[in-house]
Amino acid sequence: VQLQASGGGLVQPGGSLRLSCAVSGTVFSIAAMDWYRQAPGKQRELVAAITSGGNTHYTNSVKGRFTISRDNANNTVYLQMNSLKPEDTAVYYCNAHLYMSDSDDDYWGQGTQVTVSS
């Protein structure tokens, strides 16, 4: 089982990017799916989270600009990022709590770089 993140890149301030993170392998169910980010010299922070039922949570700095969603049929979580600012520059990581047939645990994607710069 692994999480594969994609969609990062270089964008100008005010631009948009859409991150995707797909869970591959055999899982019984997926609970919360989250996006974290880590900027150089800073701690990793939770950006957005979504429960299996679709309830969402955002850190204050991205409210109104970022939208988290998930496709349960394809075990994929998305992060739509609009009105990007230079301070959004970071490596973005997806995280999911996965239930297998006999265990459950948190899994992390490999990270995707988002750079906001003119």
Protein backbone atom coordinates (compact mmCIF):
# COMPACT_ATOMS: atom_id res chain seq x y z
CA VAL A 1 0.00 0.00 0.00
CA GLN A 2 1.31 3.43 -0.90
CA LEU A 3 0.21 7.01 -1.43
CA GLN A 4 1.32 8.75 -4.64
CA ALA A 5 1.13 12.54 -4.68
CA SER A 6 1.30 14.68 -7.81
CA GLY A 7 0.44 18.11 -9.16
CA GLY A 8 3.05 20.38 -7.64
CA GLY A 9 5.05 22.92 -9.59
CA LEU A 10 6.05 26.53 -10.04
CA VAL A 11 3.25 29.11 -10.21
CA GLN A 12 3.06 32.89 -10.04
CA PRO A 13 1.38 34.64 -7.11
CA GLY A 14 -2.36 34.60 -7.60
CA GLY A 15 -2.22 31.41 -9.63
CA SER A 16 -3.72 27.99 -9.01
CA LEU A 17 -2.58 24.41 -8.67
CA ARG A 18 -4.41 21.15 -8.00
CA LEU A 19 -2.68 18.44 -6.01
CA SER A 20 -3.76 14.81 -6.18
CA CYS A 21 -2.92 11.87 -3.96
CA ALA A 22 -3.97 8.35 -4.86
CA VAL A 23 -3.92 5.32 -2.57
CA SER A 24 -2.76 2.18 -4.33
CA GLY A 25 -2.91 -1.36 -3.05
CA THR A 26 -5.56 -3.30 -1.21
CA VAL A 27 -7.27 -1.44 1.62
CA PHE A 28 -10.47 -2.22 3.50
CA SER A 29 -11.40 1.41 4.09
CA ILE A 30 -9.93 4.90 4.40
CA ALA A 31 -10.73 7.23 7.27
CA ALA A 32 -9.43 10.80 7.29
CA MET A 33 -7.30 12.06 4.40
CA ASP A 34 -5.14 15.12 4.95
CA TRP A 35 -2.68 17.48 3.33
CA TYR A 36 0.31 18.78 5.26
CA ARG A 37 3.08 21.12 4.15
CA GLN A 38 6.59 21.87 5.29
CA ALA A 39 8.45 25.02 4.33
CA PRO A 40 12.24 25.29 4.68
CA GLY A 41 13.22 25.76 8.31
CA LYS A 42 9.65 25.27 9.56
CA GLN A 43 7.71 22.44 11.13
CA ARG A 44 5.29 20.39 9.11
CA GLU A 45 1.77 21.79 9.49
CA LEU A 46 -1.69 20.49 8.74
CA VAL A 47 -3.19 22.40 5.81
CA ALA A 48 -6.52 20.66 5.26
CA ALA A 49 -8.33 17.48 6.28
CA ILE A 50 -11.41 15.62 5.12
CA THR A 51 -13.25 12.79 6.85
CA SER A 52 -14.73 9.77 5.13
CA GLY A 53 -18.09 11.51 5.38
CA GLY A 54 -16.86 14.67 3.71
CA ASN A 55 -16.43 16.98 6.69
CA THR A 56 -13.54 19.36 6.13
CA HIS A 57 -11.08 21.38 8.19
CA TYR A 58 -8.65 24.07 7.06
CA THR A 59 -5.86 25.95 8.73
CA ASN A 60 -6.74 29.63 8.97
CA SER A 61 -4.16 30.82 6.46
CA VAL A 62 -5.74 28.88 3.57
CA LYS A 63 -9.44 29.27 4.33
CA GLY A 64 -11.31 30.63 1.34
CA ARG A 65 -8.42 29.83 -1.01
CA PHE A 66 -7.89 26.05 -0.76
CA THR A 67 -10.47 23.30 -1.15
CA ILE A 68 -9.94 19.68 -0.14
CA SER A 69 -12.06 16.95 -1.69
CA ARG A 70 -11.95 13.20 -2.12
CA ASP A 71 -13.09 10.56 -4.55
CA ASN A 72 -13.91 7.53 -2.43
CA ALA A 73 -14.48 5.30 -5.44
CA ASN A 74 -10.90 5.89 -6.58
CA ASN A 75 -9.27 6.32 -3.15
CA THR A 76 -7.97 9.74 -4.12
CA VAL A 77 -7.78 13.05 -2.28
CA TYR A 78 -7.37 16.43 -3.97
CA LEU A 79 -6.27 19.89 -2.88
CA GLN A 80 -7.38 22.74 -5.11
CA MET A 81 -5.22 25.76 -4.33
CA ASN A 82 -6.29 29.17 -5.63
CA SER A 83 -4.96 32.68 -5.07
CA LEU A 84 -1.58 31.24 -4.19
CA LYS A 85 0.85 33.35 -2.22
CA PRO A 86 4.64 33.13 -1.85
CA GLU A 87 4.12 31.97 1.73
CA ASP A 88 2.35 28.86 0.39
CA THR A 89 5.70 27.67 -0.95
CA ALA A 90 6.47 24.31 0.65
CA VAL A 91 6.65 20.59 0.10
CA TYR A 92 3.10 19.26 0.35
CA TYR A 93 2.48 15.79 1.78
CA CYS A 94 -0.69 13.74 1.76
CA ASN A 95 -1.61 11.52 4.67
CA ALA A 96 -4.33 8.94 5.10
CA HIS A 97 -5.45 6.61 7.86
CA LEU A 98 -5.89 3.25 6.20
CA TYR A 99 -7.66 0.14 7.42
CA MET A 100 -6.43 -3.19 6.05
CA SER A 101 -7.88 -6.60 6.81
CA ASP A 102 -5.97 -7.00 10.08
CA SER A 103 -4.47 -3.62 10.94
CA ASP A 104 -4.69 0.13 10.50
CA ASP A 105 -2.11 2.89 10.37
CA ASP A 106 -1.23 6.32 9.00
CA TYR A 107 0.45 6.39 5.61
CA TRP A 108 2.32 9.28 3.97
CA GLY A 109 2.87 10.22 0.36
CA GLN A 110 6.31 11.17 -0.94
CA GLY A 111 5.72 14.93 -1.06
CA THR A 112 5.33 17.30 -3.97
CA GLN A 113 7.02 20.70 -4.22
CA VAL A 114 4.88 23.81 -4.61
CA THR A 115 6.75 27.03 -5.38
CA VAL A 116 4.93 30.36 -5.65
CA SER A 117 7.16 33.00 -7.14
CA SER A 118 7.20 35.66 -9.81
